[in-house]
Amino acid sequence: MSGMVNVNSEVTDSFYRYKMPRIIAKVEGKGNGIKTVIVNMVDIAKALTRPPAYPCKYFGCELGAQTQIDAKKERYIVNGSHDALRLQELLDGFIKKFVLCPECDNPETLLIPHQKKKIIQQRCMACGFVNPTVDMTHKVCTYILNHPPEVGESGSEKYNKDKKGKDDNEEENGAMGVADDGEHEDGIILSNGTSVPVNGATDGDDFDDWGEDTSAEAVARRQMDNLSSGVTRLAMTADFEKTPHERQELFFKFMEQKKREGNLKDLTVAKEVHDKATELELSSAAPLIMVGVVFTENIVKEIPLYANLFLRFLHVKDVREGTKPNEKAQKQLLGGIEKLIEAHKDKLLPKVQNILYVAYESGLISEEVVLEWGKKPTSKFVSKDLSRQVRAKAAPFIEWLQNASEDESEEESDEANDDTGVTFGTHQPVAAAAKTNGAANGNATGAAGGNNVADDDDDLDIDDI
């Protein structure tokens, strides 16, 4: 893999799982027509899970050169003669600014352009960190805002498909957004982080062991392994033969067990939960069950803590469109929230817009799904009367989504100020402002699950936004 380098150039570990091809640059033409063709830009972009036009435009901005993009022919050109090593250095700068998570340095991030607000959020699908905005001073940010990846995340503007094909020098919207957990150049990445090379190859000396251990201990071990795998297959087959209700009961008990173990914030547990739901063929229905197990009447504070547990269910990867909302799963999540409100009506009904806002900012629900959900009440999850009340309480938040102003501040709060007041944009609502002094004196509410939860159920004044 001499042609491969670590995505994060500061990592020197040769077994680092995130690899990308080295830049291959070919200089063509002469005189004023000289140009540099980046031969493998598409392969590099796939490794970074970004549209190939983004790094190409970044090179142009850094070098002060014009770029030519022909997505159909996969030709990405920077005018002038440029050395591959120099372009590789510039690519490292692009990766640090627009790919690596500022919190954990993991490249499994998603860019979320907010065109109306003129900001680009960055969400890490590995650690859950949300960067309110990347450095917007770089010129390439304008291009990203005008040509967002079609990720369908909250706040992002979908690419205008009518523009496709009209200009050969414009990129087609990239089908990229978040890193894939599946195959990589050097093998398959398992849930425990180990790499299994494809085609049966192994790391190091592949064929040193020519024979099979025939000792009694080895034979007994293999027999036990075969027995264990057989039992697992029988259990899975039995699960598939159960009714949907029985499978839901199994998943509910599984979630309760995980909650008792007290490690629901662990990323490995999030993977286990997703795998279990997939095994039981409940991927879209799982969020409804999970809400009832994970969240309590302190849901406003709990959503950011357990967002990673839900994210795998609420967004799907499409070969052409990249990561987009799983609308069915998000509607199940909203149904679960309605049922939770029904169980704690006096406490949670006045806080509907707070709950939705925090869920929206945590990436659990997308703008499109919320707007569709808010159109009419339904008796699918709760009584139609309660469903109508919930949507009435949500009306200010829905209206805010519909009427986001272009001159809104570029700094957007990422979480609720407290249990009853949230910040839309940078304008502090009346309910939050009234409690600021109390919070400063030590009266702020505790972490999720604590006993000192505020009881002030004042609604937000949307007219102040």
Protein backbone atom coordinates (compact mmCIF):
# COMPACT_ATOMS: atom_id res chain seq x y z
CA MET A 1 0.00 0.00 0.00
CA SER A 2 2.85 2.34 -0.84
CA GLY A 3 0.39 4.56 -2.70
CA MET A 4 -1.74 5.03 0.41
CA VAL A 5 -1.24 7.54 3.21
CA ASN A 6 -3.02 8.25 6.49
CA VAL A 7 -5.93 10.66 6.20
CA ASN A 8 -4.62 12.44 9.29
CA SER A 9 -1.01 13.17 8.34
CA GLU A 10 -0.08 13.67 12.00
CA VAL A 11 -0.79 10.00 12.71
CA THR A 12 2.27 7.87 11.96
CA ASP A 13 0.74 4.51 12.87
CA SER A 14 1.00 2.24 9.81
CA PHE A 15 -2.12 0.38 10.98
CA TYR A 16 -4.25 3.53 11.13
CA ARG A 17 -7.59 2.52 9.64
CA TYR A 18 -8.32 5.69 7.67
CA LYS A 19 -6.28 5.68 4.46
CA MET A 20 -6.41 7.63 1.22
CA PRO A 21 -4.45 7.53 -2.06
CA ARG A 22 -1.52 9.87 -2.56
CA ILE A 23 -2.28 12.65 -4.99
CA ILE A 24 -1.34 11.86 -8.57
CA ALA A 25 -0.87 15.11 -10.51
CA LYS A 26 -0.31 15.32 -14.25
CA VAL A 27 0.82 18.58 -15.87
CA GLU A 28 -0.63 19.20 -19.31
CA GLY A 29 -0.23 21.94 -21.91
CA LYS A 30 2.35 24.69 -22.04
CA GLY A 31 2.66 28.45 -21.85
CA ASN A 32 -0.51 30.21 -20.75
CA GLY A 33 -2.49 26.99 -21.25
CA ILE A 34 -0.54 24.90 -18.76
CA LYS A 35 -2.70 23.10 -16.21
CA THR A 36 -2.46 20.38 -13.57
CA VAL A 37 -4.89 17.46 -13.74
CA ILE A 38 -5.49 15.66 -10.43
CA VAL A 39 -5.87 12.16 -11.84
CA ASN A 40 -7.22 10.39 -8.75
CA MET A 41 -9.31 13.15 -7.20
CA VAL A 42 -12.45 10.99 -7.17
CA ASP A 43 -10.68 8.19 -5.25
CA ILE A 44 -9.30 10.71 -2.74
CA ALA A 45 -12.74 12.24 -2.28
CA LYS A 46 -14.26 8.83 -1.61
CA ALA A 47 -11.68 8.21 1.11
CA LEU A 48 -12.52 11.59 2.67
CA THR A 49 -16.28 11.19 2.07
CA ARG A 50 -16.46 14.63 0.53
CA PRO A 51 -17.52 15.70 -2.98
CA PRO A 52 -14.36 15.82 -5.15
CA ALA A 53 -15.07 19.41 -6.13
CA TYR A 54 -14.47 20.60 -2.54
CA PRO A 55 -10.72 19.86 -2.31
CA CYS A 56 -10.25 20.92 -5.94
CA LYS A 57 -11.83 24.32 -5.23
CA TYR A 58 -9.77 24.51 -2.03
CA PHE A 59 -6.59 24.09 -4.08
CA GLY A 60 -7.70 26.90 -6.38
CA CYS A 61 -8.35 29.23 -3.45
CA GLU A 62 -5.00 28.44 -1.81
CA LEU A 63 -3.00 28.76 -5.03
CA GLY A 64 -4.90 31.71 -6.45
CA ALA A 65 -5.64 29.70 -9.57
CA GLN A 66 -8.77 28.96 -11.53
CA THR A 67 -10.20 25.44 -11.43
CA GLN A 68 -12.07 23.39 -14.00
CA ILE A 69 -14.49 20.70 -12.84
CA ASP A 70 -16.07 18.16 -15.15
CA ALA A 71 -17.84 15.68 -12.87
CA LYS A 72 -19.19 13.55 -15.71
CA LYS A 73 -15.73 12.87 -17.09
CA GLU A 74 -14.18 12.92 -13.60
CA ARG A 75 -11.65 15.57 -14.57
CA TYR A 76 -10.52 17.97 -11.85
CA ILE A 77 -8.06 20.61 -13.01
CA VAL A 78 -6.13 23.44 -11.37
CA ASN A 79 -4.68 25.98 -13.80
CA GLY A 80 -0.90 26.30 -13.73
CA SER A 81 1.88 23.83 -13.02
CA HIS A 82 1.74 22.41 -9.50
CA ASP A 83 3.83 19.72 -7.86
CA ALA A 84 2.04 16.70 -6.34
CA LEU A 85 3.88 17.17 -3.04
CA ARG A 86 2.65 20.76 -2.80
CA LEU A 87 -0.92 19.65 -3.52
CA GLN A 88 -0.60 16.93 -0.87
CA GLU A 89 0.40 19.56 1.69
CA LEU A 90 -2.61 21.67 0.72
CA LEU A 91 -4.86 18.62 0.98
CA ASP A 92 -3.69 18.15 4.57
CA GLY A 93 -4.88 21.69 5.27
CA PHE A 94 -8.27 20.94 3.74
CA ILE A 95 -8.57 17.78 5.83
CA LYS A 96 -7.78 19.61 9.07
CA LYS A 97 -10.30 22.35 8.33
CA PHE A 98 -13.18 20.39 6.80
CA VAL A 99 -12.76 16.68 7.53
CA LEU A 100 -11.20 15.92 10.92
CA CYS A 101 -13.35 16.27 14.04
CA PRO A 102 -12.00 19.12 16.23
CA GLU A 103 -12.78 17.03 19.30
CA CYS A 104 -11.47 13.51 18.52
CA ASP A 105 -9.53 13.98 15.23
CA ASN A 106 -11.70 11.28 13.62
CA PRO A 107 -12.48 11.82 9.91
CA GLU A 108 -16.00 10.34 10.18
CA THR A 109 -17.61 13.76 10.02
CA LEU A 110 -20.52 15.28 8.18
CA LEU A 111 -20.68 18.83 6.80
CA ILE A 112 -24.05 20.54 7.20
CA PRO A 113 -24.25 23.81 5.24
CA HIS A 114 -26.88 26.29 6.48
CA GLN A 115 -27.24 28.44 3.39
CA LYS A 116 -29.64 30.94 4.90
CA LYS A 117 -27.53 31.45 8.01
CA LYS A 118 -24.25 31.40 6.07
CA ILE A 119 -22.61 28.84 8.33
CA ILE A 120 -21.36 25.28 7.90
CA GLN A 121 -21.79 22.95 10.86
CA GLN A 122 -19.66 19.86 11.30
CA ARG A 123 -20.99 16.77 13.08
CA CYS A 124 -18.81 13.83 14.08
CA MET A 125 -20.56 10.49 13.69
CA ALA A 126 -17.89 8.82 15.83
CA CYS A 127 -17.92 10.86 19.06
CA GLY A 128 -21.10 12.89 18.50
CA PHE A 129 -19.37 16.29 18.77
CA VAL A 130 -21.09 19.11 16.89
CA ASN A 131 -18.94 22.01 15.76
CA PRO A 132 -21.33 25.01 15.55
CA THR A 133 -19.44 26.31 12.53
CA VAL A 134 -16.21 25.71 10.68
CA ASP A 135 -13.88 28.63 9.92
CA MET A 136 -16.02 30.63 7.50
CA THR A 137 -13.19 32.99 6.52
CA HIS A 138 -11.88 30.59 3.88
CA LYS A 139 -13.13 31.32 0.36
CA VAL A 140 -14.04 27.69 -0.33
CA CYS A 141 -16.83 27.99 2.26
CA THR A 142 -18.82 30.08 -0.20
CA TYR A 143 -18.60 27.28 -2.74
CA ILE A 144 -19.65 24.67 -0.16
CA LEU A 145 -22.65 26.78 0.87
CA ASN A 146 -23.74 27.12 -2.76
CA HIS A 147 -23.05 23.46 -3.58
CA PRO A 148 -23.97 21.48 -0.45
CA PRO A 149 -23.70 17.71 -0.38
CA GLU A 150 -27.17 16.20 -0.57
CA VAL A 151 -27.03 14.84 2.96
CA GLY A 152 -30.54 15.82 4.02
CA GLU A 153 -29.37 16.77 7.53
CA SER A 154 -31.18 19.36 9.60
CA GLY A 155 -30.62 22.84 8.25
CA SER A 156 -28.93 21.80 5.03
CA GLU A 157 -30.18 23.03 1.70
CA LYS A 158 -30.75 20.36 -0.92
CA TYR A 159 -28.86 20.79 -4.13
CA ASN A 160 -30.98 22.08 -6.97
CA LYS A 161 -31.15 19.04 -9.23
CA ASP A 162 -32.39 21.18 -12.11
CA LYS A 163 -28.91 22.68 -12.36
CA LYS A 164 -27.33 19.31 -13.05
CA GLY A 165 -26.03 18.91 -16.55
CA LYS A 166 -26.46 22.58 -17.47
CA ASP A 167 -22.81 23.43 -16.96
CA ASP A 168 -20.10 20.87 -17.61
CA ASN A 169 -17.71 22.88 -15.47
CA GLU A 170 -19.96 22.53 -12.41
CA GLU A 171 -19.84 19.44 -10.24
CA GLU A 172 -22.78 17.13 -9.93
CA ASN A 173 -23.88 16.97 -6.36
CA GLY A 174 -21.62 14.53 -4.53
CA ALA A 175 -22.97 11.38 -2.98
CA MET A 176 -20.82 11.85 0.09
CA GLY A 177 -21.13 13.11 3.60
CA VAL A 178 -20.18 10.62 6.29
CA ALA A 179 -17.52 7.98 6.53
CA ASP A 180 -18.53 4.40 5.80
CA ASP A 181 -18.11 1.74 8.46
CA GLY A 182 -17.92 -1.05 5.90
CA GLU A 183 -15.15 -1.95 3.46
CA HIS A 184 -11.87 -0.07 3.41
CA GLU A 185 -8.88 -0.33 1.13
CA ASP A 186 -7.09 -2.72 3.45
CA GLY A 187 -10.07 -4.84 4.51
CA ILE A 188 -13.28 -4.94 6.50
CA ILE A 189 -13.45 -3.00 9.76
CA LEU A 190 -15.28 -5.04 12.39
CA SER A 191 -17.34 -3.63 15.24
CA ASN A 192 -14.44 -4.11 17.66
CA GLY A 193 -12.18 -1.95 15.47
CA THR A 194 -10.04 -4.81 14.12
CA SER A 195 -9.37 -5.11 10.43
CA VAL A 196 -9.98 -8.28 8.45
CA PRO A 197 -8.32 -8.03 5.02
CA VAL A 198 -10.41 -8.87 1.99
CA ASN A 199 -10.02 -12.04 -0.05
CA GLY A 200 -8.72 -13.96 2.95
CA ALA A 201 -5.43 -12.08 3.17
CA THR A 202 -3.89 -11.32 6.55
CA ASP A 203 -1.53 -8.69 7.84
CA GLY A 204 2.19 -9.38 7.90
CA ASP A 205 3.45 -12.75 6.62
CA ASP A 206 0.29 -14.07 5.04
CA PHE A 207 1.21 -17.69 4.53
CA ASP A 208 3.61 -18.64 7.30
CA ASP A 209 1.18 -21.19 8.77
CA TRP A 210 0.91 -23.92 6.14
CA GLY A 211 -0.66 -26.56 8.36
CA GLU A 212 -3.55 -26.84 10.78
CA ASP A 213 -2.98 -27.50 14.45
CA THR A 214 -4.18 -31.06 15.07
CA SER A 215 -3.45 -31.26 18.79
CA ALA A 216 -6.28 -32.46 21.06
CA GLU A 217 -6.58 -29.02 22.63
CA ALA A 218 -6.86 -27.30 19.26
CA VAL A 219 -9.44 -29.79 18.00
CA ALA A 220 -11.54 -29.33 21.15
CA ARG A 221 -11.34 -25.55 20.81
CA ARG A 222 -12.53 -25.69 17.20
CA GLN A 223 -15.41 -27.95 18.19
CA MET A 224 -16.51 -25.49 20.85
CA ASP A 225 -16.25 -22.62 18.37
CA ASN A 226 -18.38 -24.50 15.87
CA LEU A 227 -20.92 -25.33 18.57
CA SER A 228 -21.11 -21.70 19.68
CA SER A 229 -21.60 -20.44 16.13
CA GLY A 230 -24.25 -23.10 15.54
CA VAL A 231 -26.16 -22.08 18.65
CA THR A 232 -25.95 -18.43 17.55
CA ARG A 233 -27.35 -19.28 14.11
CA LEU A 234 -30.20 -21.28 15.67
CA ALA A 235 -31.04 -18.39 18.02
CA MET A 236 -31.08 -15.92 15.13
CA THR A 237 -33.29 -18.22 13.08
CA ALA A 238 -35.69 -18.57 16.00
CA ASP A 239 -35.83 -14.77 16.36
CA PHE A 240 -36.70 -14.34 12.68
CA GLU A 241 -39.61 -16.77 13.07
CA LYS A 242 -41.16 -14.70 15.86
CA THR A 243 -43.99 -12.25 15.23
CA PRO A 244 -43.20 -8.51 14.99
CA HIS A 245 -44.66 -8.01 18.48
CA GLU A 246 -42.46 -10.76 19.93
CA ARG A 247 -39.38 -9.27 18.27
CA GLN A 248 -40.27 -5.87 19.68
CA GLU A 249 -40.51 -7.43 23.14
CA LEU A 250 -37.06 -8.99 22.67
CA PHE A 251 -35.57 -5.65 21.67
CA PHE A 252 -37.31 -3.90 24.58
CA LYS A 253 -35.80 -6.39 27.06
CA PHE A 254 -32.41 -6.01 25.37
CA MET A 255 -32.57 -2.21 25.80
CA GLU A 256 -33.62 -2.53 29.43
CA GLN A 257 -30.63 -4.79 30.08
CA LYS A 258 -28.27 -2.27 28.47
CA LYS A 259 -29.75 0.51 30.55
CA ARG A 260 -29.28 -1.48 33.76
CA GLU A 261 -25.65 -1.97 32.80
CA GLY A 262 -25.41 1.83 32.75
CA ASN A 263 -23.24 2.28 29.65
CA LEU A 264 -25.68 3.62 27.07
CA LYS A 265 -23.32 6.51 26.27
CA ASP A 266 -20.62 4.09 25.09
CA LEU A 267 -20.12 4.11 21.31
CA THR A 268 -19.58 0.34 21.27
CA VAL A 269 -22.96 -0.11 22.96
CA ALA A 270 -24.56 2.11 20.31
CA LYS A 271 -23.16 -0.27 17.69
CA GLU A 272 -24.45 -3.31 19.63
CA VAL A 273 -27.93 -1.78 19.88
CA HIS A 274 -28.02 -1.05 16.16
CA ASP A 275 -26.81 -4.57 15.33
CA LYS A 276 -29.47 -6.11 17.60
CA ALA A 277 -32.23 -4.07 15.99
CA THR A 278 -30.98 -5.03 12.54
CA GLU A 279 -30.84 -8.68 13.56
CA LEU A 280 -34.49 -8.48 14.68
CA GLU A 281 -35.45 -6.53 11.54
CA LEU A 282 -36.52 -3.53 13.62
CA SER A 283 -34.16 -0.85 12.30
CA SER A 284 -36.90 1.71 11.58
CA ALA A 285 -39.15 0.82 14.53
CA ALA A 286 -36.32 0.72 17.10
CA PRO A 287 -36.32 4.48 17.94
CA LEU A 288 -39.93 4.25 19.17
CA ILE A 289 -38.97 1.51 21.65
CA MET A 290 -35.69 3.18 22.61
CA VAL A 291 -37.34 6.48 23.58
CA GLY A 292 -39.46 4.75 26.22
CA VAL A 293 -36.44 3.00 27.72
CA VAL A 294 -33.76 5.69 27.49
CA PHE A 295 -35.57 8.94 28.17
CA THR A 296 -37.47 10.18 31.23
CA GLU A 297 -39.27 13.40 32.09
CA ASN A 298 -35.80 15.01 31.93
CA ILE A 299 -35.61 14.35 28.18
CA VAL A 300 -34.50 17.90 27.33
CA LYS A 301 -31.22 17.31 29.15
CA GLU A 302 -30.94 13.66 28.18
CA ILE A 303 -31.14 14.00 24.39
CA PRO A 304 -27.58 15.39 23.94
CA LEU A 305 -26.22 12.72 26.28
CA TYR A 306 -27.68 9.79 24.35
CA ALA A 307 -27.80 11.19 20.80
CA ASN A 308 -25.11 8.77 19.59
CA LEU A 309 -27.35 5.86 20.55
CA PHE A 310 -29.97 7.01 18.03
CA LEU A 311 -27.96 8.49 15.14
CA ARG A 312 -27.27 5.17 13.37
CA PHE A 313 -31.01 4.56 13.09
CA LEU A 314 -32.09 8.02 12.00
CA HIS A 315 -29.85 8.47 8.96
CA VAL A 316 -29.15 6.08 6.11
CA LYS A 317 -26.39 5.92 3.52
CA ASP A 318 -27.28 6.03 -0.14
CA VAL A 319 -24.78 5.20 -2.87
CA ARG A 320 -25.85 8.20 -4.94
CA GLU A 321 -27.10 10.67 -2.35
CA GLY A 322 -24.73 10.06 0.56
CA THR A 323 -26.20 10.26 4.05
CA LYS A 324 -29.84 11.29 4.22
CA PRO A 325 -32.62 11.16 6.83
CA ASN A 326 -34.35 7.86 7.49
CA GLU A 327 -37.78 9.47 7.46
CA LYS A 328 -39.59 6.38 8.72
CA ALA A 329 -37.25 6.01 11.71
CA GLN A 330 -37.44 9.74 12.52
CA LYS A 331 -41.24 9.59 12.50
CA GLN A 332 -41.05 6.62 14.88
CA LEU A 333 -38.79 8.72 17.11
CA LEU A 334 -41.34 11.55 17.11
CA GLY A 335 -44.04 8.99 17.91
CA GLY A 336 -41.99 7.78 20.84
CA ILE A 337 -41.62 11.35 22.07
CA GLU A 338 -45.39 11.79 21.86
CA LYS A 339 -45.90 8.66 23.96
CA LEU A 340 -43.36 9.91 26.49
CA ILE A 341 -45.24 13.22 26.67
CA GLU A 342 -48.43 11.23 27.25
CA ALA A 343 -46.77 9.47 30.22
CA HIS A 344 -45.54 12.78 31.71
CA LYS A 345 -48.13 15.12 30.28
CA ASP A 346 -48.11 17.80 32.98
CA LYS A 347 -44.33 18.02 32.92
CA LEU A 348 -43.53 17.64 29.21
CA LEU A 349 -46.46 19.05 27.23
CA PRO A 350 -45.42 22.67 27.98
CA LYS A 351 -41.89 21.83 26.81
CA VAL A 352 -42.65 20.34 23.39
CA GLN A 353 -40.78 23.00 21.44
CA ASN A 354 -37.77 22.68 23.75
CA ILE A 355 -37.67 18.93 23.17
CA LEU A 356 -37.93 19.33 19.39
CA TYR A 357 -35.29 22.04 19.31
CA VAL A 358 -32.73 19.99 21.21
CA ALA A 359 -33.51 16.90 19.10
CA TYR A 360 -33.10 19.01 15.95
CA GLU A 361 -29.79 20.48 17.09
CA SER A 362 -28.53 17.02 18.07
CA GLY A 363 -29.19 15.75 14.55
CA LEU A 364 -31.97 13.34 15.54
CA ILE A 365 -34.70 14.94 13.44
CA SER A 366 -34.43 16.81 10.16
CA GLU A 367 -36.24 19.94 9.09
CA GLU A 368 -38.18 18.16 6.36
CA VAL A 369 -39.49 15.45 8.68
CA VAL A 370 -40.53 17.94 11.39
CA LEU A 371 -42.41 20.11 8.88
CA GLU A 372 -44.21 17.06 7.49
CA TRP A 373 -44.97 15.78 11.01
CA GLY A 374 -46.45 19.13 12.03
CA LYS A 375 -48.98 19.28 9.20
CA LYS A 376 -51.71 17.21 10.85
CA PRO A 377 -52.34 15.25 14.06
CA THR A 378 -52.57 11.48 14.02
CA SER A 379 -53.85 8.82 16.39
CA LYS A 380 -51.12 6.35 15.43
CA PHE A 381 -49.17 6.74 18.69
CA VAL A 382 -51.41 8.69 21.09
CA SER A 383 -54.97 9.96 21.08
CA LYS A 384 -55.75 12.41 18.32
CA ASP A 385 -56.62 15.06 20.89
CA LEU A 386 -53.20 14.80 22.55
CA SER A 387 -51.52 14.67 19.16
CA ARG A 388 -53.27 17.93 18.30
CA GLN A 389 -52.12 19.50 21.58
CA VAL A 390 -48.52 18.43 20.99
CA ARG A 391 -48.47 20.00 17.53
CA ALA A 392 -50.06 23.17 18.87
CA LYS A 393 -47.23 23.45 21.41
CA ALA A 394 -44.73 22.77 18.64
CA ALA A 395 -46.15 25.48 16.37
CA PRO A 396 -43.64 28.22 17.35
CA PHE A 397 -40.68 25.93 16.63
CA ILE A 398 -42.18 24.81 13.31
CA GLU A 399 -42.82 28.42 12.34
CA TRP A 400 -39.22 29.23 13.24
CA LEU A 401 -38.01 26.49 10.92
CA GLN A 402 -40.17 27.82 8.10
CA ASN A 403 -39.17 31.45 8.53
CA ALA A 404 -35.44 31.28 9.29
CA SER A 405 -34.09 34.75 8.48
CA GLU A 406 -31.03 35.26 6.27
CA ASP A 407 -29.64 37.90 8.61
CA GLU A 408 -29.68 35.58 11.62
CA SER A 409 -26.44 35.60 13.57
CA GLU A 410 -23.75 33.16 12.39
CA GLU A 411 -23.33 31.89 15.92
CA GLU A 412 -26.02 29.35 16.77
CA SER A 413 -26.48 27.78 20.18
CA ASP A 414 -25.94 24.00 20.09
CA GLU A 415 -27.95 23.08 23.17
CA ALA A 416 -30.77 24.22 25.44
CA ASN A 417 -29.85 26.96 27.91
CA ASP A 418 -31.75 25.13 30.62
CA ASP A 419 -34.66 22.77 31.03
CA THR A 420 -37.28 25.27 29.91
CA GLY A 421 -35.60 27.91 27.71
CA VAL A 422 -33.72 27.41 24.47
CA THR A 423 -31.91 29.77 22.16
CA PHE A 424 -33.06 30.04 18.56
CA GLY A 425 -30.20 31.74 16.72
CA THR A 426 -28.64 34.15 19.22
CA HIS A 427 -31.81 35.67 20.65
CA GLN A 428 -32.41 34.61 24.24
CA PRO A 429 -36.09 33.79 24.88
CA VAL A 430 -37.97 35.42 27.70
CA ALA A 431 -38.15 32.21 29.75
CA ALA A 432 -34.38 31.77 29.64
CA ALA A 433 -33.61 35.41 30.31
CA ALA A 434 -35.82 35.43 33.38
CA LYS A 435 -33.83 32.59 34.91
CA THR A 436 -30.32 33.81 34.08
CA ASN A 437 -29.71 35.37 37.49
CA GLY A 438 -30.93 32.27 39.30
CA ALA A 439 -28.61 30.03 37.28
CA ALA A 440 -25.69 32.32 38.03
CA ASN A 441 -26.37 31.93 41.75
CA GLY A 442 -26.17 28.15 41.56
CA ASN A 443 -29.82 27.39 40.85
CA ALA A 444 -29.22 25.94 37.40
CA THR A 445 -30.50 22.46 36.83
CA GLY A 446 -28.22 19.44 37.15
CA ALA A 447 -27.24 16.80 34.64
CA ALA A 448 -29.82 14.45 33.12
CA GLY A 449 -31.30 12.13 35.65
CA GLY A 450 -30.71 14.55 38.56
CA ASN A 451 -33.33 15.57 41.06
CA ASN A 452 -32.97 19.35 40.77
CA VAL A 453 -34.97 19.78 37.58
CA ALA A 454 -36.57 23.16 37.07
CA ASP A 455 -40.37 23.21 37.22
CA ASP A 456 -40.84 26.46 35.33
CA ASP A 457 -42.94 25.53 32.28
CA ASP A 458 -43.05 28.99 30.62
CA ASP A 459 -43.28 28.81 26.83
CA LEU A 460 -40.92 30.58 24.49
CA ASP A 461 -41.96 33.90 23.01
CA ILE A 462 -41.31 33.40 19.32
CA ASP A 463 -42.03 37.06 18.62
CA ASP A 464 -38.72 37.86 20.34
CA ILE A 465 -36.75 35.80 17.82
